[in-house]
């Protein structure tokens, strides 16, 4: 390992059908993170999950659910992630969001 830096991992939990204007919300968040110059963002699609309403969403073929859980992960130095939080709040005001300290290896 050459270097390590302290940083923050931002996780945003949304639904597959959530929107930000014309774009899916998860896609809009990744694009906004890129515009903000954050080091990296990835969207992960869940297989099964539930949220505030306790409704289980699943990818099983016979499921009635069509809205799978989505997680957007963004990582960078803490100060850059903190500056992004107002953008996140404006774009996804009701999304469940978590922050955790990470060690970034490069």
PDB file of N, CA and C in Angstrom:
ATOM      1  N   UNK A   1       0.826  -1.168   0.000  1.00  0.00           N
ATOM      2  CA  UNK A   1       0.000   0.000   0.000  1.00  0.00           C
ATOM      3  C   UNK A   1       0.877   1.240   0.000  1.00  0.00           C
ATOM      4  N   UNK A   2       0.592   2.126  -0.895  1.00  0.00           N
ATOM      5  CA  UNK A   2       1.378   3.341  -0.994  1.00  0.00           C
ATOM      6  C   UNK A   2       0.930   4.403  -0.007  1.00  0.00           C
ATOM      7  N   UNK A   3      -0.344   4.736  -0.035  1.00  0.00           N
ATOM      8  CA  UNK A   3      -0.867   5.824   0.799  1.00  0.00           C
ATOM      9  C   UNK A   3      -2.244   5.456   1.325  1.00  0.00           C
ATOM     10  N   UNK A   4      -2.596   6.075   2.444  1.00  0.00           N
ATOM     11  CA  UNK A   4      -3.982   5.984   2.904  1.00  0.00           C
ATOM     12  C   UNK A   4      -4.396   7.365   3.392  1.00  0.00           C
ATOM     13  N   UNK A   5      -5.655   7.660   3.183  1.00  0.00           N
ATOM     14  CA  UNK A   5      -6.235   8.946   3.543  1.00  0.00           C
ATOM     15  C   UNK A   5      -7.530   8.688   4.293  1.00  0.00           C
ATOM     16  N   UNK A   6      -7.776   9.482   5.323  1.00  0.00           N
ATOM     17  CA  UNK A   6      -9.061   9.392   6.013  1.00  0.00           C
ATOM     18  C   UNK A   6     -10.132  10.031   5.129  1.00  0.00           C
ATOM     19  N   UNK A   7     -11.289   9.402   5.074  1.00  0.00           N
ATOM     20  CA  UNK A   7     -12.368   9.933   4.258  1.00  0.00           C
ATOM     21  C   UNK A   7     -13.722   9.557   4.822  1.00  0.00           C
ATOM     22  N   UNK A   8     -14.739   9.777   4.025  1.00  0.00           N
ATOM     23  CA  UNK A   8     -16.118   9.472   4.417  1.00  0.00           C
ATOM     24  C   UNK A   8     -16.817   8.729   3.296  1.00  0.00           C
ATOM     25  N   UNK A   9     -17.573   7.712   3.683  1.00  0.00           N
ATOM     26  CA  UNK A   9     -18.437   6.986   2.759  1.00  0.00           C
ATOM     27  C   UNK A   9     -19.862   7.466   3.012  1.00  0.00           C
ATOM     28  N   UNK A  10     -20.488   7.989   1.980  1.00  0.00           N
ATOM     29  CA  UNK A  10     -21.868   8.455   2.019  1.00  0.00           C
ATOM     30  C   UNK A  10     -22.717   7.406   1.324  1.00  0.00           C
ATOM     31  N   UNK A  11     -23.729   6.894   2.021  1.00  0.00           N
ATOM     32  CA  UNK A  11     -24.647   5.922   1.436  1.00  0.00           C
ATOM     33  C   UNK A  11     -26.038   6.532   1.399  1.00  0.00           C
ATOM     34  N   UNK A  12     -26.667   6.418   0.246  1.00  0.00           N
ATOM     35  CA  UNK A  12     -28.012   6.971   0.056  1.00  0.00           C
ATOM     36  C   UNK A  12     -28.914   5.833  -0.398  1.00  0.00           C
ATOM     37  N   UNK A  13     -29.958   5.581   0.369  1.00  0.00           N
ATOM     38  CA  UNK A  13     -30.893   4.497   0.077  1.00  0.00           C
ATOM     39  C   UNK A  13     -32.138   5.079  -0.587  1.00  0.00           C
ATOM     40  N   UNK A  14     -32.446   4.594  -1.782  1.00  0.00           N
ATOM     41  CA  UNK A  14     -33.606   5.071  -2.527  1.00  0.00           C
ATOM     42  C   UNK A  14     -34.310   3.887  -3.175  1.00  0.00           C
ATOM     43  N   UNK A  15     -35.444   4.145  -3.785  1.00  0.00           N
ATOM     44  CA  UNK A  15     -36.168   3.112  -4.511  1.00  0.00           C
ATOM     45  C   UNK A  15     -35.879   3.217  -6.002  1.00  0.00           C
ATOM     46  N   UNK A  16     -36.007   2.116  -6.669  1.00  0.00           N
ATOM     47  CA  UNK A  16     -35.737   2.049  -8.102  1.00  0.00           C
ATOM     48  C   UNK A  16     -36.608   3.017  -8.904  1.00  0.00           C
ATOM     49  N   UNK A  17     -37.824   3.270  -8.456  1.00  0.00           N
ATOM     50  CA  UNK A  17     -38.742   4.135  -9.200  1.00  0.00           C
ATOM     51  C   UNK A  17     -38.698   5.596  -8.765  1.00  0.00           C
ATOM     52  N   UNK A  18     -37.875   5.924  -7.769  1.00  0.00           N
ATOM     53  CA  UNK A  18     -37.752   7.317  -7.337  1.00  0.00           C
ATOM     54  C   UNK A  18     -37.132   8.155  -8.448  1.00  0.00           C
ATOM     55  N   UNK A  19     -37.601   9.403  -8.580  1.00  0.00           N
ATOM     56  CA  UNK A  19     -37.161  10.253  -9.685  1.00  0.00           C
ATOM     57  C   UNK A  19     -36.646  11.593  -9.176  1.00  0.00           C
ATOM     58  N   UNK A  20     -35.779  12.170  -9.973  1.00  0.00           N
ATOM     59  CA  UNK A  20     -35.324  13.557  -9.793  1.00  0.00           C
ATOM     60  C   UNK A  20     -35.532  14.208 -11.151  1.00  0.00           C
ATOM     61  N   UNK A  21     -36.673  14.843 -11.315  1.00  0.00           N
ATOM     62  CA  UNK A  21     -37.017  15.372 -12.634  1.00  0.00           C
ATOM     63  C   UNK A  21     -37.273  14.222 -13.591  1.00  0.00           C
ATOM     64  N   UNK A  22     -36.583  14.247 -14.728  1.00  0.00           N
ATOM     65  CA  UNK A  22     -36.776  13.203 -15.745  1.00  0.00           C
ATOM     66  C   UNK A  22     -35.890  11.981 -15.522  1.00  0.00           C
ATOM     67  N   UNK A  23     -34.908  12.092 -14.622  1.00  0.00           N
ATOM     68  CA  UNK A  23     -33.952  11.009 -14.395  1.00  0.00           C
ATOM     69  C   UNK A  23     -34.336  10.148 -13.206  1.00  0.00           C
ATOM     70  N   UNK A  24     -33.960   8.864 -13.243  1.00  0.00           N
ATOM     71  CA  UNK A  24     -34.064   8.075 -12.013  1.00  0.00           C
ATOM     72  C   UNK A  24     -33.199   8.738 -10.941  1.00  0.00           C
ATOM     73  N   UNK A  25     -33.671   8.748  -9.711  1.00  0.00           N
ATOM     74  CA  UNK A  25     -32.972   9.434  -8.638  1.00  0.00           C
ATOM     75  C   UNK A  25     -31.552   8.913  -8.449  1.00  0.00           C
ATOM     76  N   UNK A  26     -31.367   7.599  -8.506  1.00  0.00           N
ATOM     77  CA  UNK A  26     -30.027   7.048  -8.309  1.00  0.00           C
ATOM     78  C   UNK A  26     -29.051   7.541  -9.378  1.00  0.00           C
ATOM     79  N   UNK A  27     -29.519   7.658 -10.595  1.00  0.00           N
ATOM     80  CA  UNK A  27     -28.669   8.162 -11.678  1.00  0.00           C
ATOM     81  C   UNK A  27     -28.362   9.650 -11.492  1.00  0.00           C
ATOM     82  N   UNK A  28     -29.364  10.413 -11.095  1.00  0.00           N
ATOM     83  CA  UNK A  28     -29.165  11.845 -10.861  1.00  0.00           C
ATOM     84  C   UNK A  28     -28.139  12.075  -9.755  1.00  0.00           C
ATOM     85  N   UNK A  29     -28.180  11.260  -8.709  1.00  0.00           N
ATOM     86  CA  UNK A  29     -27.224  11.405  -7.607  1.00  0.00           C
ATOM     87  C   UNK A  29     -25.795  11.119  -8.047  1.00  0.00           C
ATOM     88  N   UNK A  30     -25.615  10.092  -8.852  1.00  0.00           N
ATOM     89  CA  UNK A  30     -24.271   9.776  -9.361  1.00  0.00           C
ATOM     90  C   UNK A  30     -23.761  10.919 -10.236  1.00  0.00           C
ATOM     91  N   UNK A  31     -24.622  11.447 -11.096  1.00  0.00           N
ATOM     92  CA  UNK A  31     -24.215  12.556 -11.967  1.00  0.00           C
ATOM     93  C   UNK A  31     -23.892  13.816 -11.166  1.00  0.00           C
ATOM     94  N   UNK A  32     -24.680  14.099 -10.136  1.00  0.00           N
ATOM     95  CA  UNK A  32     -24.412  15.271  -9.304  1.00  0.00           C
ATOM     96  C   UNK A  32     -23.114  15.107  -8.509  1.00  0.00           C
ATOM     97  N   UNK A  33     -22.825  13.895  -8.078  1.00  0.00           N
ATOM     98  CA  UNK A  33     -21.558  13.641  -7.381  1.00  0.00           C
ATOM     99  C   UNK A  33     -20.373  13.881  -8.323  1.00  0.00           C
ATOM    100  N   UNK A  34     -20.536  13.464  -9.558  1.00  0.00           N
ATOM    101  CA  UNK A  34     -19.478  13.696 -10.553  1.00  0.00           C
ATOM    102  C   UNK A  34     -19.299  15.181 -10.822  1.00  0.00           C
ATOM    103  N   UNK A  35     -20.416  15.903 -10.979  1.00  0.00           N
ATOM    104  CA  UNK A  35     -20.365  17.358 -11.192  1.00  0.00           C
ATOM    105  C   UNK A  35     -19.670  18.061 -10.023  1.00  0.00           C
ATOM    106  N   UNK A  36     -19.861  17.533  -8.817  1.00  0.00           N
ATOM    107  CA  UNK A  36     -19.264  18.130  -7.621  1.00  0.00           C
ATOM    108  C   UNK A  36     -17.791  17.761  -7.466  1.00  0.00           C
ATOM    109  N   UNK A  37     -17.293  16.908  -8.353  1.00  0.00           N
ATOM    110  CA  UNK A  37     -15.887  16.539  -8.312  1.00  0.00           C
ATOM    111  C   UNK A  37     -15.529  15.533  -7.239  1.00  0.00           C
ATOM    112  N   UNK A  38     -16.517  14.775  -6.777  1.00  0.00           N
ATOM    113  CA  UNK A  38     -16.239  13.760  -5.764  1.00  0.00           C
ATOM    114  C   UNK A  38     -15.465  12.600  -6.381  1.00  0.00           C
ATOM    115  N   UNK A  39     -14.663  11.937  -5.556  1.00  0.00           N
ATOM    116  CA  UNK A  39     -13.720  10.925  -6.045  1.00  0.00           C
ATOM    117  C   UNK A  39     -14.392   9.733  -6.721  1.00  0.00           C
ATOM    118  N   UNK A  40     -15.530   9.282  -6.186  1.00  0.00           N
ATOM    119  CA  UNK A  40     -16.176   8.125  -6.792  1.00  0.00           C
ATOM    120  C   UNK A  40     -17.592   7.944  -6.308  1.00  0.00           C
ATOM    121  N   UNK A  41     -18.419   7.387  -7.176  1.00  0.00           N
ATOM    122  CA  UNK A  41     -19.811   7.089  -6.846  1.00  0.00           C
ATOM    123  C   UNK A  41     -20.212   5.816  -7.576  1.00  0.00           C
ATOM    124  N   UNK A  42     -20.955   4.980  -6.893  1.00  0.00           N
ATOM    125  CA  UNK A  42     -21.424   3.723  -7.475  1.00  0.00           C
ATOM    126  C   UNK A  42     -22.861   3.504  -7.059  1.00  0.00           C
ATOM    127  N   UNK A  43     -23.680   3.008  -7.973  1.00  0.00           N
ATOM    128  CA  UNK A  43     -25.054   2.663  -7.673  1.00  0.00           C
ATOM    129  C   UNK A  43     -25.139   1.140  -7.604  1.00  0.00           C
ATOM    130  N   UNK A  44     -25.723   0.649  -6.513  1.00  0.00           N
ATOM    131  CA  UNK A  44     -25.904  -0.785  -6.308  1.00  0.00           C
ATOM    132  C   UNK A  44     -27.394  -1.094  -6.287  1.00  0.00           C
ATOM    133  N   UNK A  45     -27.777  -2.166  -6.948  1.00  0.00           N
ATOM    134  CA  UNK A  45     -29.181  -2.566  -6.989  1.00  0.00           C
ATOM    135  C   UNK A  45     -29.388  -3.724  -6.018  1.00  0.00           C
ATOM    136  N   UNK A  46     -30.324  -3.548  -5.117  1.00  0.00           N
ATOM    137  CA  UNK A  46     -30.585  -4.578  -4.123  1.00  0.00           C
ATOM    138  C   UNK A  46     -31.432  -5.711  -4.673  1.00  0.00           C
ATOM    139  N   UNK A  47     -31.300  -6.861  -4.053  1.00  0.00           N
ATOM    140  CA  UNK A  47     -32.085  -8.028  -4.430  1.00  0.00           C
ATOM    141  C   UNK A  47     -33.362  -8.098  -3.602  1.00  0.00           C
ATOM    142  N   UNK A  48     -33.244  -7.694  -2.350  1.00  0.00           N
ATOM    143  CA  UNK A  48     -34.405  -7.669  -1.459  1.00  0.00           C
ATOM    144  C   UNK A  48     -34.147  -6.616  -0.381  1.00  0.00           C
ATOM    145  N   UNK A  49     -35.201  -5.956   0.054  1.00  0.00           N
ATOM    146  CA  UNK A  49     -35.053  -4.969   1.112  1.00  0.00           C
ATOM    147  C   UNK A  49     -36.395  -4.361   1.466  1.00  0.00           C
ATOM    148  N   UNK A  50     -36.397  -3.588   2.552  1.00  0.00           N
ATOM    149  CA  UNK A  50     -37.592  -2.842   2.927  1.00  0.00           C
ATOM    150  C   UNK A  50     -37.156  -1.552   3.589  1.00  0.00           C
ATOM    151  N   UNK A  51     -38.059  -0.605   3.627  1.00  0.00           N
ATOM    152  CA  UNK A  51     -37.740   0.699   4.185  1.00  0.00           C
ATOM    153  C   UNK A  51     -38.783   1.162   5.171  1.00  0.00           C
ATOM    154  N   UNK A  52     -39.014   2.473   5.156  1.00  0.00           N
ATOM    155  CA  UNK A  52     -39.899   3.131   6.110  1.00  0.00           C
ATOM    156  C   UNK A  52     -41.264   2.463   6.239  1.00  0.00           C
ATOM    157  N   UNK A  53     -41.842   2.075   5.134  1.00  0.00           N
ATOM    158  CA  UNK A  53     -43.182   1.492   5.155  1.00  0.00           C
ATOM    159  C   UNK A  53     -43.214   0.011   5.469  1.00  0.00           C
ATOM    160  N   UNK A  54     -42.065  -0.611   5.680  1.00  0.00           N
ATOM    161  CA  UNK A  54     -41.928  -2.042   5.992  1.00  0.00           C
ATOM    162  C   UNK A  54     -42.471  -2.956   4.898  1.00  0.00           C
ATOM    163  N   UNK A  55     -42.591  -2.433   3.679  1.00  0.00           N
ATOM    164  CA  UNK A  55     -43.000  -3.254   2.540  1.00  0.00           C
ATOM    165  C   UNK A  55     -41.747  -3.895   1.954  1.00  0.00           C
ATOM    166  N   UNK A  56     -41.746  -5.218   1.845  1.00  0.00           N
ATOM    167  CA  UNK A  56     -40.587  -5.927   1.312  1.00  0.00           C
ATOM    168  C   UNK A  56     -40.606  -5.836  -0.211  1.00  0.00           C
ATOM    169  N   UNK A  57     -39.488  -5.393  -0.771  1.00  0.00           N
ATOM    170  CA  UNK A  57     -39.302  -5.329  -2.217  1.00  0.00           C
ATOM    171  C   UNK A  57     -38.287  -6.396  -2.574  1.00  0.00           C
ATOM    172  N   UNK A  58     -38.604  -7.199  -3.580  1.00  0.00           N
ATOM    173  CA  UNK A  58     -37.727  -8.313  -3.911  1.00  0.00           C
ATOM    174  C   UNK A  58     -37.661  -8.527  -5.419  1.00  0.00           C
ATOM    175  N   UNK A  59     -36.583  -9.144  -5.859  1.00  0.00           N
ATOM    176  CA  UNK A  59     -36.384  -9.425  -7.276  1.00  0.00           C
ATOM    177  C   UNK A  59     -36.900 -10.807  -7.662  1.00  0.00           C
ATOM    178  N   UNK A  60     -37.545 -11.521  -6.728  1.00  0.00           N
ATOM    179  CA  UNK A  60     -38.057 -12.855  -7.033  1.00  0.00           C
ATOM    180  C   UNK A  60     -39.052 -12.774  -8.179  1.00  0.00           C
ATOM    181  N   UNK A  61     -39.037 -13.761  -9.018  1.00  0.00           N
ATOM    182  CA  UNK A  61     -39.833 -13.739 -10.253  1.00  0.00           C
ATOM    183  C   UNK A  61     -41.339 -13.648  -9.987  1.00  0.00           C
ATOM    184  N   UNK A  62     -41.824 -14.206  -8.896  1.00  0.00           N
ATOM    185  CA  UNK A  62     -43.256 -14.186  -8.640  1.00  0.00           C
ATOM    186  C   UNK A  62     -43.663 -13.065  -7.680  1.00  0.00           C
ATOM    187  N   UNK A  63     -42.769 -12.162  -7.416  1.00  0.00           N
ATOM    188  CA  UNK A  63     -43.046 -11.065  -6.501  1.00  0.00           C
ATOM    189  C   UNK A  63     -43.942 -10.024  -7.153  1.00  0.00           C
ATOM    190  N   UNK A  64     -44.771  -9.386  -6.342  1.00  0.00           N
ATOM    191  CA  UNK A  64     -45.604  -8.302  -6.844  1.00  0.00           C
ATOM    192  C   UNK A  64     -44.838  -6.980  -6.866  1.00  0.00           C
ATOM    193  N   UNK A  65     -43.689  -6.950  -6.216  1.00  0.00           N
ATOM    194  CA  UNK A  65     -42.899  -5.726  -6.125  1.00  0.00           C
ATOM    195  C   UNK A  65     -42.145  -5.472  -7.419  1.00  0.00           C
ATOM    196  N   UNK A  66     -42.227  -4.237  -7.888  1.00  0.00           N
ATOM    197  CA  UNK A  66     -41.463  -3.846  -9.065  1.00  0.00           C
ATOM    198  C   UNK A  66     -40.420  -2.795  -8.719  1.00  0.00           C
ATOM    199  N   UNK A  67     -40.399  -2.375  -7.463  1.00  0.00           N
ATOM    200  CA  UNK A  67     -39.454  -1.332  -7.072  1.00  0.00           C
ATOM    201  C   UNK A  67     -38.390  -1.915  -6.160  1.00  0.00           C
ATOM    202  N   UNK A  68     -37.229  -2.189  -6.733  1.00  0.00           N
ATOM    203  CA  UNK A  68     -36.141  -2.748  -5.952  1.00  0.00           C
ATOM    204  C   UNK A  68     -35.403  -1.645  -5.200  1.00  0.00           C
ATOM    205  N   UNK A  69     -34.772  -2.028  -4.090  1.00  0.00           N
ATOM    206  CA  UNK A  69     -33.981  -1.041  -3.358  1.00  0.00           C
ATOM    207  C   UNK A  69     -32.705  -0.704  -4.123  1.00  0.00           C
ATOM    208  N   UNK A  70     -32.291   0.555  -4.035  1.00  0.00           N
ATOM    209  CA  UNK A  70     -31.070   1.026  -4.681  1.00  0.00           C
ATOM    210  C   UNK A  70     -30.223   1.721  -3.618  1.00  0.00           C
ATOM    211  N   UNK A  71     -28.912   1.558  -3.712  1.00  0.00           N
ATOM    212  CA  UNK A  71     -27.998   2.236  -2.802  1.00  0.00           C
ATOM    213  C   UNK A  71     -26.956   2.955  -3.653  1.00  0.00           C
ATOM    214  N   UNK A  72     -26.794   4.235  -3.414  1.00  0.00           N
ATOM    215  CA  UNK A  72     -25.736   5.007  -4.063  1.00  0.00           C
ATOM    216  C   UNK A  72     -24.654   5.218  -3.019  1.00  0.00           C
ATOM    217  N   UNK A  73     -23.437   4.803  -3.347  1.00  0.00           N
ATOM    218  CA  UNK A  73     -22.302   5.001  -2.451  1.00  0.00           C
ATOM    219  C   UNK A  73     -21.361   6.024  -3.065  1.00  0.00           C
ATOM    220  N   UNK A  74     -20.976   6.985  -2.253  1.00  0.00           N
ATOM    221  CA  UNK A  74     -20.063   8.042  -2.689  1.00  0.00           C
ATOM    222  C   UNK A  74     -18.936   8.106  -1.667  1.00  0.00           C
ATOM    223  N   UNK A  75     -17.700   8.167  -2.136  1.00  0.00           N
ATOM    224  CA  UNK A  75     -16.567   8.225  -1.213  1.00  0.00           C
ATOM    225  C   UNK A  75     -15.608   9.340  -1.617  1.00  0.00           C
ATOM    226  N   UNK A  76     -15.120  10.044  -0.616  1.00  0.00           N
ATOM    227  CA  UNK A  76     -14.112  11.081  -0.844  1.00  0.00           C
ATOM    228  C   UNK A  76     -13.639  11.571   0.520  1.00  0.00           C
ATOM    229  N   UNK A  77     -12.809  12.574   0.497  1.00  0.00           N
ATOM    230  CA  UNK A  77     -12.380  13.193   1.745  1.00  0.00           C
ATOM    231  C   UNK A  77     -13.600  13.789   2.438  1.00  0.00           C
ATOM    232  N   UNK A  78     -13.571  13.777   3.739  1.00  0.00           N
ATOM    233  CA  UNK A  78     -14.723  14.193   4.538  1.00  0.00           C
ATOM    234  C   UNK A  78     -15.222  15.581   4.168  1.00  0.00           C
ATOM    235  N   UNK A  79     -14.313  16.525   4.018  1.00  0.00           N
ATOM    236  CA  UNK A  79     -14.744  17.904   3.731  1.00  0.00           C
ATOM    237  C   UNK A  79     -15.471  18.008   2.389  1.00  0.00           C
ATOM    238  N   UNK A  80     -15.076  17.213   1.404  1.00  0.00           N
ATOM    239  CA  UNK A  80     -15.760  17.253   0.102  1.00  0.00           C
ATOM    240  C   UNK A  80     -17.151  16.629   0.204  1.00  0.00           C
ATOM    241  N   UNK A  81     -17.263  15.549   0.957  1.00  0.00           N
ATOM    242  CA  UNK A  81     -18.564  14.912   1.143  1.00  0.00           C
ATOM    243  C   UNK A  81     -19.496  15.857   1.900  1.00  0.00           C
ATOM    244  N   UNK A  82     -18.979  16.522   2.928  1.00  0.00           N
ATOM    245  CA  UNK A  82     -19.795  17.472   3.699  1.00  0.00           C
ATOM    246  C   UNK A  82     -20.321  18.600   2.806  1.00  0.00           C
ATOM    247  N   UNK A  83     -19.498  19.077   1.878  1.00  0.00           N
ATOM    248  CA  UNK A  83     -19.944  20.150   0.968  1.00  0.00           C
ATOM    249  C   UNK A  83     -21.029  19.660   0.007  1.00  0.00           C
ATOM    250  N   UNK A  84     -21.086  18.354  -0.224  1.00  0.00           N
ATOM    251  CA  UNK A  84     -22.078  17.769  -1.128  1.00  0.00           C
ATOM    252  C   UNK A  84     -23.441  17.585  -0.451  1.00  0.00           C
ATOM    253  N   UNK A  85     -23.487  17.553   0.859  1.00  0.00           N
ATOM    254  CA  UNK A  85     -24.729  17.252   1.576  1.00  0.00           C
ATOM    255  C   UNK A  85     -25.889  18.192   1.246  1.00  0.00           C
ATOM    256  N   UNK A  86     -25.693  19.511   1.076  1.00  0.00           N
ATOM    257  CA  UNK A  86     -26.828  20.359   0.680  1.00  0.00           C
ATOM    258  C   UNK A  86     -27.395  19.984  -0.700  1.00  0.00           C
ATOM    259  N   UNK A  87     -26.534  19.577  -1.615  1.00  0.00           N
ATOM    260  CA  UNK A  87     -26.991  19.123  -2.946  1.00  0.00           C
ATOM    261  C   UNK A  87     -27.837  17.870  -2.781  1.00  0.00           C
ATOM    262  N   UNK A  88     -27.366  16.958  -1.947  1.00  0.00           N
ATOM    263  CA  UNK A  88     -28.102  15.726  -1.677  1.00  0.00           C
ATOM    264  C   UNK A  88     -29.467  16.041  -1.070  1.00  0.00           C
ATOM    265  N   UNK A  89     -29.493  16.924  -0.094  1.00  0.00           N
ATOM    266  CA  UNK A  89     -30.754  17.265   0.582  1.00  0.00           C
ATOM    267  C   UNK A  89     -31.756  17.878  -0.391  1.00  0.00           C
ATOM    268  N   UNK A  90     -31.267  18.662  -1.332  1.00  0.00           N
ATOM    269  CA  UNK A  90     -32.150  19.275  -2.331  1.00  0.00           C
ATOM    270  C   UNK A  90     -32.641  18.243  -3.344  1.00  0.00           C
ATOM    271  N   UNK A  91     -31.779  17.323  -3.736  1.00  0.00           N
ATOM    272  CA  UNK A  91     -32.111  16.338  -4.765  1.00  0.00           C
ATOM    273  C   UNK A  91     -32.957  15.191  -4.226  1.00  0.00           C
ATOM    274  N   UNK A  92     -32.635  14.744  -3.014  1.00  0.00           N
ATOM    275  CA  UNK A  92     -33.318  13.587  -2.425  1.00  0.00           C
ATOM    276  C   UNK A  92     -33.657  13.878  -0.964  1.00  0.00           C
ATOM    277  N   UNK A  93     -34.595  14.793  -0.716  1.00  0.00           N
ATOM    278  CA  UNK A  93     -34.852  15.238   0.654  1.00  0.00           C
ATOM    279  C   UNK A  93     -35.332  14.160   1.620  1.00  0.00           C
ATOM    280  N   UNK A  94     -35.965  13.100   1.118  1.00  0.00           N
ATOM    281  CA  UNK A  94     -36.497  12.083   2.028  1.00  0.00           C
ATOM    282  C   UNK A  94     -35.698  10.783   2.010  1.00  0.00           C
ATOM    283  N   UNK A  95     -34.576  10.762   1.303  1.00  0.00           N
ATOM    284  CA  UNK A  95     -33.776   9.538   1.221  1.00  0.00           C
ATOM    285  C   UNK A  95     -33.068   9.266   2.543  1.00  0.00           C
ATOM    286  N   UNK A  96     -33.039   8.005   2.933  1.00  0.00           N
ATOM    287  CA  UNK A  96     -32.254   7.597   4.094  1.00  0.00           C
ATOM    288  C   UNK A  96     -30.784   7.706   3.712  1.00  0.00           C
ATOM    289  N   UNK A  97     -30.018   8.393   4.541  1.00  0.00           N
ATOM    290  CA  UNK A  97     -28.613   8.666   4.232  1.00  0.00           C
ATOM    291  C   UNK A  97     -27.767   8.313   5.443  1.00  0.00           C
ATOM    292  N   UNK A  98     -26.615   7.679   5.203  1.00  0.00           N
ATOM    293  CA  UNK A  98     -25.685   7.385   6.280  1.00  0.00           C
ATOM    294  C   UNK A  98     -24.293   7.874   5.898  1.00  0.00           C
ATOM    295  N   UNK A  99     -23.511   8.179   6.911  1.00  0.00           N
ATOM    296  CA  UNK A  99     -22.118   8.565   6.731  1.00  0.00           C
ATOM    297  C   UNK A  99     -21.260   7.680   7.613  1.00  0.00           C
ATOM    298  N   UNK A 100     -20.129   7.243   7.106  1.00  0.00           N
ATOM    299  CA  UNK A 100     -19.206   6.508   7.963  1.00  0.00           C
ATOM    300  C   UNK A 100     -17.771   6.847   7.586  1.00  0.00           C
ATOM    301  N   UNK A 101     -16.926   6.841   8.596  1.00  0.00           N
ATOM    302  CA  UNK A 101     -15.512   7.111   8.373  1.00  0.00           C
ATOM    303  C   UNK A 101     -14.891   5.905   7.693  1.00  0.00           C
ATOM    304  N   UNK A 102     -14.018   6.201   6.715  1.00  0.00           N
ATOM    305  CA  UNK A 102     -13.312   5.137   5.996  1.00  0.00           C
ATOM    306  C   UNK A 102     -11.847   5.522   5.834  1.00  0.00           C
ATOM    307  N   UNK A 103     -11.043   4.535   5.551  1.00  0.00           N
ATOM    308  CA  UNK A 103      -9.651   4.775   5.188  1.00  0.00           C
ATOM    309  C   UNK A 103      -9.538   4.470   3.704  1.00  0.00           C
ATOM    310  N   UNK A 104      -9.180   5.466   2.937  1.00  0.00           N
ATOM    311  CA  UNK A 104      -9.086   5.333   1.474  1.00  0.00           C
ATOM    312  C   UNK A 104      -7.659   4.929   1.140  1.00  0.00           C
ATOM    313  N   UNK A 105      -7.525   3.822   0.446  1.00  0.00           N
ATOM    314  CA  UNK A 105      -6.212   3.327   0.046  1.00  0.00           C
ATOM    315  C   UNK A 105      -5.975   3.624  -1.408  1.00  0.00           C
ATOM    316  N   UNK A 106      -4.761   4.066  -1.721  1.00  0.00           N
ATOM    317  CA  UNK A 106      -4.448   4.299  -3.140  1.00  0.00           C
ATOM    318  C   UNK A 106      -3.028   3.902  -3.430  1.00  0.00           C
TER     319      UNK A 106
END
